Amino acid sequence: MPSWIEFRLGCRGLYRLALFDRSFAEFFDRSTAGVLRSFGLFLLLLPIVLWQVWITNDLPIDNLFLFLAGRSVAYAYNWILFPFLIMFAARYLDRDAEAAGGIAVYNWTSVLWVALQMPTTLIIALGVPVNVAQLLGLALLVASLVIEGFMFVVVLRLVLWQAAALVALDFLLSLMVIWPMGDWLGGVR
């Protein structure tokens, strides 16, 4: 788990990343130890993510515990699977030296994604219809995809099309495999 100082530095780095400032990478420990600590963010963010998933869900839920358990498993797979794909892509693209840093910063971006999703979650929690709030959610999703692509360009030293392909793989894997698996495990109809 990152220390308080590392968390504050990481948040500064995320702020700079959101502003497309290339100096964002300096705020993250991109060593092997930093990668391992970045996985500790999973536990810190899990309750917030489960709350966001529960609030924004518009499908019928038979069993709340089963639903949250299924989403927890999907969330864990999301934290495990894509870092392996980053390692594979880095090796394939001759960026082995940057792989650890890419995984560390990718894990830290989960904090940014939770923060970016918070306005949509709060709007839905206040009773605004889901379809209205989804417009804001769509704009924030597009912003997060662009930010993620910029992060891969800087941290893994990729050209734009390679970063775009990696972002598309991350998005499609989440959309078509991981979250549907969470729905299935959670008993969502």
Protein backbone atom coordinates (compact mmCIF):
# COMPACT_ATOMS: atom_id res chain seq x y z
CA MET A 1 0.00 0.00 0.00
CA PRO A 2 1.40 3.43 -0.88
CA SER A 3 2.36 5.68 2.01
CA TRP A 4 0.54 8.96 2.59
CA ILE A 5 3.42 10.90 1.01
CA GLU A 6 3.44 8.61 -2.03
CA PHE A 7 -0.34 8.97 -2.31
CA ARG A 8 -0.08 12.78 -2.28
CA LEU A 9 2.68 12.70 -4.90
CA GLY A 10 0.64 10.26 -7.00
CA CYS A 11 -2.37 12.57 -6.88
CA ARG A 12 -0.18 15.46 -8.04
CA GLY A 13 1.05 13.29 -10.87
CA LEU A 14 -2.53 12.37 -11.79
CA TYR A 15 -3.48 16.04 -11.81
CA ARG A 16 -0.63 16.78 -14.21
CA LEU A 17 -1.58 13.77 -16.32
CA ALA A 18 -5.16 15.08 -16.59
CA LEU A 19 -3.68 18.39 -17.82
CA PHE A 20 -1.53 16.51 -20.38
CA ASP A 21 1.66 17.72 -18.72
CA ARG A 22 4.46 15.31 -19.68
CA SER A 23 6.15 15.81 -16.30
CA PHE A 24 3.44 13.70 -14.61
CA ALA A 25 5.62 10.58 -14.72
CA GLU A 26 8.14 12.12 -12.30
CA PHE A 27 5.59 11.88 -9.47
CA PHE A 28 5.34 8.07 -9.54
CA ASP A 29 7.67 5.39 -8.24
CA ARG A 30 8.09 3.32 -11.40
CA SER A 31 10.39 0.75 -9.81
CA THR A 32 9.39 -2.85 -9.10
CA ALA A 33 8.66 -1.90 -5.48
CA GLY A 34 6.52 1.00 -6.70
CA VAL A 35 4.56 -1.37 -8.93
CA LEU A 36 3.89 -3.71 -6.04
CA ARG A 37 2.73 -0.83 -3.81
CA SER A 38 0.49 0.49 -6.59
CA PHE A 39 -1.52 -2.73 -6.43
CA GLY A 40 -2.44 -1.74 -2.86
CA LEU A 41 -4.67 0.94 -4.37
CA PHE A 42 -7.05 -1.89 -5.27
CA LEU A 43 -8.16 -2.26 -1.64
CA LEU A 44 -8.37 1.49 -1.13
CA LEU A 45 -10.62 1.99 -4.16
CA LEU A 46 -12.75 -1.18 -3.92
CA PRO A 47 -15.44 0.22 -1.57
CA ILE A 48 -15.79 3.39 -3.67
CA VAL A 49 -15.99 1.43 -6.92
CA LEU A 50 -18.61 -0.94 -5.49
CA TRP A 51 -20.66 2.03 -4.30
CA GLN A 52 -20.40 3.64 -7.75
CA VAL A 53 -21.37 0.40 -9.48
CA TRP A 54 -24.35 -0.08 -7.18
CA ILE A 55 -25.58 3.52 -7.58
CA THR A 56 -25.21 3.60 -11.36
CA ASN A 57 -26.67 0.14 -12.00
CA ASP A 58 -30.04 0.31 -13.74
CA LEU A 59 -30.59 -3.44 -14.10
CA PRO A 60 -32.70 -5.49 -11.68
CA ILE A 61 -30.71 -7.08 -8.85
CA ASP A 62 -32.06 -10.16 -7.07
CA ASN A 63 -29.31 -10.46 -4.48
CA LEU A 64 -27.23 -7.40 -3.55
CA PHE A 65 -24.49 -9.48 -1.92
CA LEU A 66 -24.13 -11.69 -5.01
CA PHE A 67 -24.15 -8.61 -7.26
CA LEU A 68 -21.38 -6.90 -5.26
CA ALA A 69 -19.37 -10.14 -5.04
CA GLY A 70 -19.57 -10.59 -8.82
CA ARG A 71 -18.49 -7.02 -9.40
CA SER A 72 -15.65 -7.43 -6.89
CA VAL A 73 -14.33 -10.44 -8.81
CA ALA A 74 -14.58 -8.52 -12.09
CA TYR A 75 -12.79 -5.55 -10.55
CA ALA A 76 -10.00 -7.85 -9.32
CA TYR A 77 -9.63 -9.39 -12.78
CA ASN A 78 -9.42 -5.89 -14.24
CA TRP A 79 -6.51 -5.13 -11.90
CA ILE A 80 -4.72 -8.37 -12.79
CA LEU A 81 -5.33 -8.97 -16.48
CA PHE A 82 -4.42 -5.67 -18.11
CA PRO A 83 -1.06 -5.26 -16.31
CA PHE A 84 -0.10 -8.63 -17.82
CA LEU A 85 -1.09 -7.30 -21.22
CA ILE A 86 1.03 -4.20 -20.61
CA MET A 87 4.02 -6.47 -19.87
CA PHE A 88 3.33 -8.48 -23.03
CA ALA A 89 2.93 -5.34 -25.17
CA ALA A 90 6.09 -3.79 -23.70
CA ARG A 91 8.07 -6.92 -24.49
CA TYR A 92 6.60 -7.14 -28.01
CA LEU A 93 7.38 -3.44 -28.65
CA ASP A 94 10.90 -3.62 -27.15
CA ARG A 95 9.93 -1.49 -24.16
CA ASP A 96 10.83 -3.98 -21.41
CA ALA A 97 12.57 -1.28 -19.38
CA GLU A 98 9.40 0.82 -19.31
CA ALA A 99 6.98 -2.03 -18.46
CA ALA A 100 7.17 -1.65 -14.67
CA GLY A 101 6.62 2.09 -14.88
CA GLY A 102 3.73 1.59 -17.28
CA ILE A 103 2.01 -0.82 -14.89
CA ALA A 104 2.61 1.43 -11.87
CA VAL A 105 1.16 4.52 -13.54
CA TYR A 106 -1.69 2.49 -15.07
CA ASN A 107 -2.64 1.27 -11.58
CA TRP A 108 -2.49 4.83 -10.26
CA THR A 109 -4.83 6.02 -13.00
CA SER A 110 -7.56 3.99 -11.28
CA VAL A 111 -7.64 6.78 -8.69
CA LEU A 112 -8.20 9.29 -11.49
CA TRP A 113 -10.95 7.17 -13.09
CA VAL A 114 -12.80 6.89 -9.77
CA ALA A 115 -12.55 10.67 -9.34
CA LEU A 116 -13.75 11.30 -12.91
CA GLN A 117 -16.74 9.01 -12.40
CA MET A 118 -17.75 10.67 -9.13
CA PRO A 119 -19.80 13.53 -10.70
CA THR A 120 -21.91 11.05 -12.67
CA THR A 121 -22.39 8.88 -9.60
CA LEU A 122 -23.44 11.84 -7.46
CA ILE A 123 -25.87 13.09 -10.09
CA ILE A 124 -27.51 9.65 -10.21
CA ALA A 125 -27.53 9.43 -6.40
CA LEU A 126 -29.42 12.75 -6.34
CA GLY A 127 -32.16 11.23 -8.47
CA VAL A 128 -31.35 12.45 -11.96
CA PRO A 129 -32.44 9.80 -14.48
CA VAL A 130 -29.64 7.44 -15.51
CA ASN A 131 -29.97 8.24 -19.22
CA VAL A 132 -29.40 11.96 -18.56
CA ALA A 133 -26.37 11.30 -16.36
CA GLN A 134 -24.98 8.94 -18.99
CA LEU A 135 -24.26 11.91 -21.27
CA LEU A 136 -21.85 13.26 -18.67
CA GLY A 137 -20.52 9.75 -18.15
CA LEU A 138 -19.87 9.38 -21.88
CA ALA A 139 -17.94 12.66 -22.02
CA LEU A 140 -15.85 11.60 -19.03
CA LEU A 141 -15.25 8.17 -20.59
CA VAL A 142 -13.90 9.78 -23.76
CA ALA A 143 -11.69 12.05 -21.64
CA SER A 144 -10.37 9.07 -19.68
CA LEU A 145 -9.53 7.16 -22.88
CA VAL A 146 -7.61 10.14 -24.27
CA ILE A 147 -5.77 10.59 -20.96
CA GLU A 148 -4.88 6.88 -20.87
CA GLY A 149 -3.52 7.08 -24.40
CA PHE A 150 -1.38 10.09 -23.49
CA MET A 151 -0.11 8.20 -20.44
CA PHE A 152 0.99 5.25 -22.61
CA VAL A 153 2.69 7.58 -25.10
CA VAL A 154 4.76 9.15 -22.33
CA VAL A 155 5.44 6.26 -19.95
CA LEU A 156 5.92 3.44 -22.46
CA ARG A 157 7.33 5.75 -25.16
CA LEU A 158 4.80 4.55 -27.73
CA VAL A 159 3.77 6.19 -30.94
CA LEU A 160 0.17 7.38 -31.08
CA TRP A 161 -1.28 4.40 -32.96
CA GLN A 162 0.35 1.92 -30.56
CA ALA A 163 -1.04 3.78 -27.55
CA ALA A 164 -4.46 3.96 -29.20
CA ALA A 165 -4.40 0.21 -29.84
CA LEU A 166 -3.49 -0.46 -26.20
CA VAL A 167 -6.28 1.83 -24.97
CA ALA A 168 -8.77 0.14 -27.31
CA LEU A 169 -7.68 -3.27 -26.04
CA ASP A 170 -8.14 -2.13 -22.44
CA PHE A 171 -11.58 -0.68 -23.19
CA LEU A 172 -12.83 -3.66 -25.19
CA LEU A 173 -11.50 -6.17 -22.67
CA SER A 174 -13.34 -4.37 -19.89
CA LEU A 175 -16.52 -3.82 -21.87
CA MET A 176 -16.83 -7.21 -23.51
CA VAL A 177 -15.16 -9.64 -21.08
CA ILE A 178 -14.52 -8.41 -17.56
CA TRP A 179 -17.70 -6.47 -16.68
CA PRO A 180 -20.05 -8.93 -18.43
CA MET A 181 -18.37 -11.65 -16.37
CA GLY A 182 -19.11 -9.55 -13.27
CA ASP A 183 -22.75 -9.27 -14.34
CA TRP A 184 -22.96 -13.01 -14.88
CA LEU A 185 -21.32 -13.82 -11.55
CA GLY A 186 -23.51 -11.23 -9.85
CA GLY A 187 -26.73 -12.68 -11.21
CA VAL A 188 -27.68 -9.55 -13.15
CA ARG A 189 -30.44 -10.26 -15.63
